[in-house]
Amino acid sequence: MPGWFSFGKQRSFLEVDAEEWQLTTWRWLLRHLGPLASQQTSPIVTPTRAFFPQSSAEGHARAEHIFAAVKRIAGMADWECRLIAQERRPEHRVGDIAVVKFDGSDTLGTFSRADNAAVITYDPAMVEDAALFVAVMAHELAHYRLAALPEGPPGGPDGHEPATDLATVHMGFGLFGANCAFNFQRHQDFMSQGWQWSRRGYLGEREWIFALAVFLELRAQPLDDVAPFLKSHLVTDLRKARRHLQAHADLLAPLRTR
């Protein structure tokens, strides 16, 4: 499982157990969802108007607009689904002027089934952060897609959420998950100051980057296609992950036959 430590083994880009889990889960995804489309027929999703048409909509209408784009890109435009806004969460204040906020435990989105349709909920506070909203909606739609499979992912119930994150990379949304995995922000104005840090998703940054490296290697896609859309330190890590995969060609050999 992701995050497990393995002692006495040679260190790779990830801890060995985490790397083994990812590669096993990639085999499971490719077996059930099919091989990765080529970059010519299915380009990786980027935060550009080519994928997400501009809109002046606000609030729930904005959420519906972005969600419809994510569904279309994922090839799920015709899948029955209702999008519902959650109740707004309170802000956490310390004293009169300081705001400290940790969002790691907040539920940004949920997936459930009702009759023959899916019900996806979202935190309305994240709608203005389009990249984060895309990442969360891709995750919930991945739940919808995986729910139809005849078997669960490797690792049993504990592996389900991390495998759902990995499925979003298979769907082409890896840039969004990687960029949103960790964030630290400071804000200040004439009324207040505050700090916010958050950990999003079930994979850590390095695990997202390793998954993205697998995705790119299997498609023989150059790093330059994604580098402009990644945080700078993630580009550095992505280079390292790809060098690791290229130096150990046996790791991806079982995936190339699917």
C-alpha atoms as a PDB file:
ATOM      1  CA  MET A   1       0.000   0.000   0.000  1.00  0.00           C
ATOM      2  CA  PRO A   2       1.135   3.604  -0.570  1.00  0.00           C
ATOM      3  CA  GLY A   3       3.072   5.019   2.362  1.00  0.00           C
ATOM      4  CA  TRP A   4       4.338   1.637   3.666  1.00  0.00           C
ATOM      5  CA  PHE A   5       8.048   1.476   4.408  1.00  0.00           C
ATOM      6  CA  SER A   6      10.246  -1.396   3.394  1.00  0.00           C
ATOM      7  CA  PHE A   7      13.490  -1.980   5.269  1.00  0.00           C
ATOM      8  CA  GLY A   8      16.489  -3.855   4.000  1.00  0.00           C
ATOM      9  CA  LYS A   9      15.662  -3.267   0.345  1.00  0.00           C
ATOM     10  CA  GLN A  10      17.302  -1.023  -2.206  1.00  0.00           C
ATOM     11  CA  ARG A  11      15.577   2.339  -2.319  1.00  0.00           C
ATOM     12  CA  SER A  12      13.839   3.320  -5.558  1.00  0.00           C
ATOM     13  CA  PHE A  13      12.035   6.534  -6.479  1.00  0.00           C
ATOM     14  CA  LEU A  14       9.269   5.368  -4.115  1.00  0.00           C
ATOM     15  CA  GLU A  15       9.543   3.045  -1.162  1.00  0.00           C
ATOM     16  CA  VAL A  16       9.688  -0.433  -2.656  1.00  0.00           C
ATOM     17  CA  ASP A  17       6.293  -1.572  -1.349  1.00  0.00           C
ATOM     18  CA  ALA A  18       4.628   1.584  -2.663  1.00  0.00           C
ATOM     19  CA  GLU A  19       6.221   1.074  -6.070  1.00  0.00           C
ATOM     20  CA  GLU A  20       5.122  -2.572  -6.181  1.00  0.00           C
ATOM     21  CA  TRP A  21       1.567  -1.598  -5.228  1.00  0.00           C
ATOM     22  CA  GLN A  22       1.406   1.021  -7.977  1.00  0.00           C
ATOM     23  CA  LEU A  23       2.689  -1.295 -10.690  1.00  0.00           C
ATOM     24  CA  THR A  24       0.304  -4.050  -9.593  1.00  0.00           C
ATOM     25  CA  THR A  25      -2.578  -1.588  -9.604  1.00  0.00           C
ATOM     26  CA  TRP A  26      -1.572  -0.276 -13.016  1.00  0.00           C
ATOM     27  CA  ARG A  27      -1.804  -3.861 -14.324  1.00  0.00           C
ATOM     28  CA  TRP A  28      -5.276  -4.122 -12.794  1.00  0.00           C
ATOM     29  CA  LEU A  29      -6.375  -0.815 -14.355  1.00  0.00           C
ATOM     30  CA  LEU A  30      -5.043  -1.704 -17.798  1.00  0.00           C
ATOM     31  CA  ARG A  31      -6.705  -5.099 -17.659  1.00  0.00           C
ATOM     32  CA  HIS A  32     -10.127  -3.640 -16.838  1.00  0.00           C
ATOM     33  CA  LEU A  33     -10.068  -0.183 -18.427  1.00  0.00           C
ATOM     34  CA  GLY A  34      -7.953  -0.971 -21.445  1.00  0.00           C
ATOM     35  CA  PRO A  35      -4.567   0.287 -22.668  1.00  0.00           C
ATOM     36  CA  LEU A  36      -3.690   3.952 -22.493  1.00  0.00           C
ATOM     37  CA  ALA A  37      -4.751   5.826 -25.602  1.00  0.00           C
ATOM     38  CA  SER A  38      -1.930   7.359 -27.593  1.00  0.00           C
ATOM     39  CA  GLN A  39      -1.113  11.020 -27.179  1.00  0.00           C
ATOM     40  CA  GLN A  40      -2.393  11.614 -30.700  1.00  0.00           C
ATOM     41  CA  THR A  41      -5.873  10.199 -30.052  1.00  0.00           C
ATOM     42  CA  SER A  42      -6.193  11.152 -26.378  1.00  0.00           C
ATOM     43  CA  PRO A  43      -3.894  13.974 -25.237  1.00  0.00           C
ATOM     44  CA  ILE A  44      -3.203  14.407 -21.541  1.00  0.00           C
ATOM     45  CA  VAL A  45      -5.666  16.837 -19.965  1.00  0.00           C
ATOM     46  CA  THR A  46      -4.232  20.297 -19.285  1.00  0.00           C
ATOM     47  CA  PRO A  47      -5.766  23.350 -17.559  1.00  0.00           C
ATOM     48  CA  THR A  48      -6.422  25.152 -20.826  1.00  0.00           C
ATOM     49  CA  ARG A  49      -9.444  26.338 -22.784  1.00  0.00           C
ATOM     50  CA  ALA A  50      -8.864  23.563 -25.267  1.00  0.00           C
ATOM     51  CA  PHE A  51     -10.329  21.250 -22.621  1.00  0.00           C
ATOM     52  CA  PHE A  52     -12.324  23.668 -20.465  1.00  0.00           C
ATOM     53  CA  PRO A  53     -14.276  26.313 -22.375  1.00  0.00           C
ATOM     54  CA  GLN A  54     -14.461  29.704 -20.713  1.00  0.00           C
ATOM     55  CA  SER A  55     -17.636  30.563 -18.813  1.00  0.00           C
ATOM     56  CA  SER A  56     -18.877  33.527 -16.773  1.00  0.00           C
ATOM     57  CA  ALA A  57     -21.128  31.261 -14.700  1.00  0.00           C
ATOM     58  CA  GLU A  58     -20.848  31.448 -10.924  1.00  0.00           C
ATOM     59  CA  GLY A  59     -21.761  29.235  -7.990  1.00  0.00           C
ATOM     60  CA  HIS A  60     -23.449  25.948  -8.791  1.00  0.00           C
ATOM     61  CA  ALA A  61     -23.801  26.857 -12.464  1.00  0.00           C
ATOM     62  CA  ARG A  62     -20.004  27.167 -12.658  1.00  0.00           C
ATOM     63  CA  ALA A  63     -19.649  23.794 -10.944  1.00  0.00           C
ATOM     64  CA  GLU A  64     -22.035  22.225 -13.462  1.00  0.00           C
ATOM     65  CA  HIS A  65     -20.099  23.785 -16.352  1.00  0.00           C
ATOM     66  CA  ILE A  66     -16.731  22.398 -15.203  1.00  0.00           C
ATOM     67  CA  PHE A  67     -18.241  19.051 -14.231  1.00  0.00           C
ATOM     68  CA  ALA A  68     -19.759  18.638 -17.677  1.00  0.00           C
ATOM     69  CA  ALA A  69     -16.325  19.242 -19.226  1.00  0.00           C
ATOM     70  CA  VAL A  70     -14.710  16.642 -16.942  1.00  0.00           C
ATOM     71  CA  LYS A  71     -17.404  14.095 -17.830  1.00  0.00           C
ATOM     72  CA  ARG A  72     -16.947  14.762 -21.547  1.00  0.00           C
ATOM     73  CA  ILE A  73     -13.170  14.438 -21.367  1.00  0.00           C
ATOM     74  CA  ALA A  74     -13.504  11.202 -19.383  1.00  0.00           C
ATOM     75  CA  GLY A  75     -15.821   9.752 -22.032  1.00  0.00           C
ATOM     76  CA  MET A  76     -18.663   9.682 -19.514  1.00  0.00           C
ATOM     77  CA  ALA A  77     -20.920  12.425 -20.867  1.00  0.00           C
ATOM     78  CA  ASP A  78     -23.849  10.002 -21.126  1.00  0.00           C
ATOM     79  CA  TRP A  79     -23.418   8.440 -17.678  1.00  0.00           C
ATOM     80  CA  GLU A  80     -26.356   9.362 -15.433  1.00  0.00           C
ATOM     81  CA  CYS A  81     -25.158  11.609 -12.615  1.00  0.00           C
ATOM     82  CA  ARG A  82     -26.478  14.309 -10.274  1.00  0.00           C
ATOM     83  CA  LEU A  83     -24.151  17.014  -8.915  1.00  0.00           C
ATOM     84  CA  ILE A  84     -25.091  18.419  -5.500  1.00  0.00           C
ATOM     85  CA  ALA A  85     -23.428  21.143  -3.435  1.00  0.00           C
ATOM     86  CA  GLN A  86     -22.572  20.375   0.185  1.00  0.00           C
ATOM     87  CA  GLU A  87     -23.230  22.819   3.020  1.00  0.00           C
ATOM     88  CA  ARG A  88     -20.532  25.463   3.355  1.00  0.00           C
ATOM     89  CA  ARG A  89     -17.854  24.855   5.979  1.00  0.00           C
ATOM     90  CA  PRO A  90     -16.947  27.456   8.632  1.00  0.00           C
ATOM     91  CA  GLU A  91     -13.536  29.164   8.598  1.00  0.00           C
ATOM     92  CA  HIS A  92     -11.217  28.476  11.539  1.00  0.00           C
ATOM     93  CA  ARG A  93     -10.004  31.603  13.346  1.00  0.00           C
ATOM     94  CA  VAL A  94      -7.351  32.024  16.043  1.00  0.00           C
ATOM     95  CA  GLY A  95      -7.740  35.412  17.709  1.00  0.00           C
ATOM     96  CA  ASP A  96      -9.086  38.475  15.951  1.00  0.00           C
ATOM     97  CA  ILE A  97      -6.836  38.668  12.931  1.00  0.00           C
ATOM     98  CA  ALA A  98      -5.224  35.288  12.357  1.00  0.00           C
ATOM     99  CA  VAL A  99      -6.753  32.479  10.380  1.00  0.00           C
ATOM    100  CA  VAL A 100      -5.171  29.021  10.405  1.00  0.00           C
ATOM    101  CA  LYS A 101      -6.731  26.378   8.244  1.00  0.00           C
ATOM    102  CA  PHE A 102      -5.880  22.741   7.545  1.00  0.00           C
ATOM    103  CA  ASP A 103      -8.064  21.132   4.911  1.00  0.00           C
ATOM    104  CA  GLY A 104      -6.607  17.638   4.806  1.00  0.00           C
ATOM    105  CA  SER A 105      -9.526  15.970   6.576  1.00  0.00           C
ATOM    106  CA  ASP A 106     -12.300  17.852   4.837  1.00  0.00           C
ATOM    107  CA  THR A 107     -14.540  15.973   2.448  1.00  0.00           C
ATOM    108  CA  LEU A 108     -14.295  17.847  -0.824  1.00  0.00           C
ATOM    109  CA  GLY A 109     -16.403  15.371  -2.760  1.00  0.00           C
ATOM    110  CA  THR A 110     -18.412  12.190  -2.317  1.00  0.00           C
ATOM    111  CA  PHE A 111     -19.770   9.486  -4.583  1.00  0.00           C
ATOM    112  CA  SER A 112     -22.839   7.335  -4.028  1.00  0.00           C
ATOM    113  CA  ARG A 113     -25.438   5.484  -6.069  1.00  0.00           C
ATOM    114  CA  ALA A 114     -29.170   6.214  -6.200  1.00  0.00           C
ATOM    115  CA  ASP A 115     -31.260   3.948  -8.419  1.00  0.00           C
ATOM    116  CA  ASN A 116     -29.479   3.844 -11.793  1.00  0.00           C
ATOM    117  CA  ALA A 117     -27.626   7.129 -11.362  1.00  0.00           C
ATOM    118  CA  ALA A 118     -24.625   8.383  -9.436  1.00  0.00           C
ATOM    119  CA  VAL A 119     -24.813  11.206  -6.918  1.00  0.00           C
ATOM    120  CA  ILE A 120     -21.687  13.329  -6.565  1.00  0.00           C
ATOM    121  CA  THR A 121     -21.430  16.075  -3.968  1.00  0.00           C
ATOM    122  CA  TYR A 122     -18.839  18.841  -3.752  1.00  0.00           C
ATOM    123  CA  ASP A 123     -17.653  21.496  -1.341  1.00  0.00           C
ATOM    124  CA  PRO A 124     -18.881  24.809  -2.826  1.00  0.00           C
ATOM    125  CA  ALA A 125     -15.854  26.647  -1.425  1.00  0.00           C
ATOM    126  CA  MET A 126     -13.543  24.973  -3.940  1.00  0.00           C
ATOM    127  CA  VAL A 127     -15.472  25.943  -7.075  1.00  0.00           C
ATOM    128  CA  GLU A 128     -13.334  29.054  -7.562  1.00  0.00           C
ATOM    129  CA  ASP A 129     -10.226  26.854  -7.561  1.00  0.00           C
ATOM    130  CA  ALA A 130     -10.930  25.262 -10.924  1.00  0.00           C
ATOM    131  CA  ALA A 131      -7.882  22.958 -10.896  1.00  0.00           C
ATOM    132  CA  LEU A 132      -8.799  21.523  -7.507  1.00  0.00           C
ATOM    133  CA  PHE A 133     -12.428  21.135  -8.551  1.00  0.00           C
ATOM    134  CA  VAL A 134     -11.355  19.227 -11.672  1.00  0.00           C
ATOM    135  CA  ALA A 135      -9.125  16.930  -9.602  1.00  0.00           C
ATOM    136  CA  VAL A 136     -11.917  16.141  -7.148  1.00  0.00           C
ATOM    137  CA  MET A 137     -14.536  15.613  -9.837  1.00  0.00           C
ATOM    138  CA  ALA A 138     -12.191  13.314 -11.771  1.00  0.00           C
ATOM    139  CA  HIS A 139     -11.739  11.274  -8.589  1.00  0.00           C
ATOM    140  CA  GLU A 140     -15.483  10.949  -7.999  1.00  0.00           C
ATOM    141  CA  LEU A 141     -16.101   9.999 -11.634  1.00  0.00           C
ATOM    142  CA  ALA A 142     -13.331   7.412 -11.331  1.00  0.00           C
ATOM    143  CA  HIS A 143     -15.323   5.931  -8.439  1.00  0.00           C
ATOM    144  CA  TYR A 144     -18.288   5.695 -10.799  1.00  0.00           C
ATOM    145  CA  ARG A 145     -16.239   3.958 -13.488  1.00  0.00           C
ATOM    146  CA  LEU A 146     -14.547   1.512 -11.093  1.00  0.00           C
ATOM    147  CA  ALA A 147     -17.841   0.634  -9.407  1.00  0.00           C
ATOM    148  CA  ALA A 148     -18.855  -1.208 -12.592  1.00  0.00           C
ATOM    149  CA  LEU A 149     -15.797  -3.498 -12.589  1.00  0.00           C
ATOM    150  CA  PRO A 150     -16.174  -7.193 -11.706  1.00  0.00           C
ATOM    151  CA  GLU A 151     -13.394  -7.147  -9.101  1.00  0.00           C
ATOM    152  CA  GLY A 152     -11.911  -4.710  -6.629  1.00  0.00           C
ATOM    153  CA  PRO A 153      -8.397  -3.251  -6.791  1.00  0.00           C
ATOM    154  CA  PRO A 154      -5.250  -4.794  -5.299  1.00  0.00           C
ATOM    155  CA  GLY A 155      -4.944  -4.228  -1.580  1.00  0.00           C
ATOM    156  CA  GLY A 156      -8.565  -4.913  -0.717  1.00  0.00           C
ATOM    157  CA  PRO A 157     -10.779  -2.190   0.815  1.00  0.00           C
ATOM    158  CA  ASP A 158      -7.755  -0.164   1.965  1.00  0.00           C
ATOM    159  CA  GLY A 159      -6.547   0.039  -1.616  1.00  0.00           C
ATOM    160  CA  HIS A 160      -9.778   1.348  -3.064  1.00  0.00           C
ATOM    161  CA  GLU A 161      -9.294   5.102  -2.615  1.00  0.00           C
ATOM    162  CA  PRO A 162      -5.618   5.168  -3.688  1.00  0.00           C
ATOM    163  CA  ALA A 163      -6.545   3.035  -6.713  1.00  0.00           C
ATOM    164  CA  THR A 164      -9.275   5.557  -7.547  1.00  0.00           C
ATOM    165  CA  ASP A 165      -6.663   8.329  -7.540  1.00  0.00           C
ATOM    166  CA  LEU A 166      -4.521   6.181  -9.834  1.00  0.00           C
ATOM    167  CA  ALA A 167      -7.507   5.676 -12.130  1.00  0.00           C
ATOM    168  CA  THR A 168      -7.699   9.440 -12.664  1.00  0.00           C
ATOM    169  CA  VAL A 169      -4.155   9.283 -14.074  1.00  0.00           C
ATOM    170  CA  HIS A 170      -5.278   6.531 -16.461  1.00  0.00           C
ATOM    171  CA  MET A 171      -8.158   8.849 -17.464  1.00  0.00           C
ATOM    172  CA  GLY A 172      -5.658  11.629 -18.319  1.00  0.00           C
ATOM    173  CA  PHE A 173      -6.083  13.882 -15.259  1.00  0.00           C
ATOM    174  CA  GLY A 174      -2.714  13.188 -13.619  1.00  0.00           C
ATOM    175  CA  LEU A 175      -1.512  16.801 -13.817  1.00  0.00           C
ATOM    176  CA  PHE A 176      -4.414  17.983 -11.697  1.00  0.00           C
ATOM    177  CA  GLY A 177      -3.936  15.368  -9.003  1.00  0.00           C
ATOM    178  CA  ALA A 178      -0.194  15.982  -8.783  1.00  0.00           C
ATOM    179  CA  ASN A 179      -0.489  19.769  -8.571  1.00  0.00           C
ATOM    180  CA  CYS A 180      -3.229  19.619  -5.937  1.00  0.00           C
ATOM    181  CA  ALA A 181      -1.685  16.906  -3.747  1.00  0.00           C
ATOM    182  CA  PHE A 182      -0.115  19.475  -1.422  1.00  0.00           C
ATOM    183  CA  ASN A 183      -0.575  23.208  -1.140  1.00  0.00           C
ATOM    184  CA  PHE A 184       0.576  25.931   1.263  1.00  0.00           C
ATOM    185  CA  GLN A 185      -0.782  29.455   1.064  1.00  0.00           C
ATOM    186  CA  ARG A 186      -0.375  32.645   3.050  1.00  0.00           C
ATOM    187  CA  HIS A 187      -2.698  35.602   2.711  1.00  0.00           C
ATOM    188  CA  GLN A 188      -2.713  39.068   4.247  1.00  0.00           C
ATOM    189  CA  ASP A 189      -4.714  42.234   3.809  1.00  0.00           C
ATOM    190  CA  PHE A 190      -5.524  45.307   5.907  1.00  0.00           C
ATOM    191  CA  MET A 191      -8.034  43.306   7.989  1.00  0.00           C
ATOM    192  CA  SER A 192      -6.424  39.948   8.621  1.00  0.00           C
ATOM    193  CA  GLN A 193      -3.674  37.496   7.888  1.00  0.00           C
ATOM    194  CA  GLY A 194      -3.755  33.753   7.604  1.00  0.00           C
ATOM    195  CA  TRP A 195      -2.079  30.543   6.596  1.00  0.00           C
ATOM    196  CA  GLN A 196      -3.540  27.470   4.967  1.00  0.00           C
ATOM    197  CA  TRP A 197      -2.023  24.140   4.089  1.00  0.00           C
ATOM    198  CA  SER A 198      -3.727  21.155   2.644  1.00  0.00           C
ATOM    199  CA  ARG A 199      -3.109  17.603   1.517  1.00  0.00           C
ATOM    200  CA  ARG A 200      -5.491  16.459  -1.191  1.00  0.00           C
ATOM    201  CA  GLY A 201      -6.233  12.983  -2.418  1.00  0.00           C
ATOM    202  CA  TYR A 202      -4.985   9.627  -1.190  1.00  0.00           C
ATOM    203  CA  LEU A 203      -1.620   9.587  -2.936  1.00  0.00           C
ATOM    204  CA  GLY A 204       1.309  11.741  -1.863  1.00  0.00           C
ATOM    205  CA  GLU A 205       3.110  14.068  -4.272  1.00  0.00           C
ATOM    206  CA  ARG A 206       5.854  11.547  -5.120  1.00  0.00           C
ATOM    207  CA  GLU A 207       3.249   8.827  -5.679  1.00  0.00           C
ATOM    208  CA  TRP A 208       1.320  11.087  -8.061  1.00  0.00           C
ATOM    209  CA  ILE A 209       4.548  11.890  -9.893  1.00  0.00           C
ATOM    210  CA  PHE A 210       5.514   8.225 -10.182  1.00  0.00           C
ATOM    211  CA  ALA A 211       2.054   7.468 -11.593  1.00  0.00           C
ATOM    212  CA  LEU A 212       2.412  10.322 -14.065  1.00  0.00           C
ATOM    213  CA  ALA A 213       5.846   9.020 -15.061  1.00  0.00           C
ATOM    214  CA  VAL A 214       4.353   5.563 -15.748  1.00  0.00           C
ATOM    215  CA  PHE A 215       1.606   7.193 -17.824  1.00  0.00           C
ATOM    216  CA  LEU A 216       4.089   9.163 -19.924  1.00  0.00           C
ATOM    217  CA  GLU A 217       6.503   6.255 -20.353  1.00  0.00           C
ATOM    218  CA  LEU A 218       3.776   3.907 -21.566  1.00  0.00           C
ATOM    219  CA  ARG A 219       2.729   6.506 -24.133  1.00  0.00           C
ATOM    220  CA  ALA A 220       6.310   7.475 -25.049  1.00  0.00           C
ATOM    221  CA  GLN A 221       5.265  11.057 -24.388  1.00  0.00           C
ATOM    222  CA  PRO A 222       7.903  13.763 -23.835  1.00  0.00           C
ATOM    223  CA  LEU A 223       8.136  15.524 -20.503  1.00  0.00           C
ATOM    224  CA  ASP A 224       7.956  18.878 -22.290  1.00  0.00           C
ATOM    225  CA  ASP A 225       4.277  18.201 -22.981  1.00  0.00           C
ATOM    226  CA  VAL A 226       3.457  18.450 -19.267  1.00  0.00           C
ATOM    227  CA  ALA A 227       6.280  20.486 -17.705  1.00  0.00           C
ATOM    228  CA  PRO A 228       4.638  23.905 -18.346  1.00  0.00           C
ATOM    229  CA  PHE A 229       1.608  22.803 -16.318  1.00  0.00           C
ATOM    230  CA  LEU A 230       3.391  21.335 -13.283  1.00  0.00           C
ATOM    231  CA  LYS A 231       4.830  23.022 -10.195  1.00  0.00           C
ATOM    232  CA  SER A 232       8.572  23.430 -10.704  1.00  0.00           C
ATOM    233  CA  HIS A 233       9.645  20.988  -7.973  1.00  0.00           C
ATOM    234  CA  LEU A 234       7.307  18.377  -9.445  1.00  0.00           C
ATOM    235  CA  VAL A 235       8.994  18.715 -12.838  1.00  0.00           C
ATOM    236  CA  THR A 236      12.312  17.908 -11.137  1.00  0.00           C
ATOM    237  CA  ASP A 237      10.767  14.870  -9.449  1.00  0.00           C
ATOM    238  CA  LEU A 238       9.144  13.749 -12.701  1.00  0.00           C
ATOM    239  CA  ARG A 239      12.535  13.743 -14.430  1.00  0.00           C
ATOM    240  CA  LYS A 240      13.914  11.569 -11.614  1.00  0.00           C
ATOM    241  CA  ALA A 241      10.957   9.169 -11.780  1.00  0.00           C
ATOM    242  CA  ARG A 242      11.293   8.756 -15.549  1.00  0.00           C
ATOM    243  CA  ARG A 243      15.042   8.151 -15.269  1.00  0.00           C
ATOM    244  CA  HIS A 244      14.306   5.467 -12.687  1.00  0.00           C
ATOM    245  CA  LEU A 245      11.767   3.771 -14.970  1.00  0.00           C
ATOM    246  CA  GLN A 246      14.064   4.005 -17.989  1.00  0.00           C
ATOM    247  CA  ALA A 247      16.952   2.519 -15.991  1.00  0.00           C
ATOM    248  CA  HIS A 248      14.742  -0.391 -14.868  1.00  0.00           C
ATOM    249  CA  ALA A 249      12.882  -1.305 -18.057  1.00  0.00           C
ATOM    250  CA  ASP A 250      11.703  -4.554 -16.468  1.00  0.00           C
ATOM    251  CA  LEU A 251       9.317  -2.602 -14.216  1.00  0.00           C
ATOM    252  CA  LEU A 252       7.069  -1.567 -17.101  1.00  0.00           C
ATOM    253  CA  ALA A 253       7.540  -4.627 -19.284  1.00  0.00           C
ATOM    254  CA  PRO A 254       4.411  -6.376 -17.896  1.00  0.00           C
ATOM    255  CA  LEU A 255       2.375  -3.231 -18.560  1.00  0.00           C
ATOM    256  CA  ARG A 256       3.500  -2.866 -22.165  1.00  0.00           C
ATOM    257  CA  THR A 257       1.938  -6.196 -23.123  1.00  0.00           C
ATOM    258  CA  ARG A 258      -1.575  -5.028 -22.140  1.00  0.00           C
END
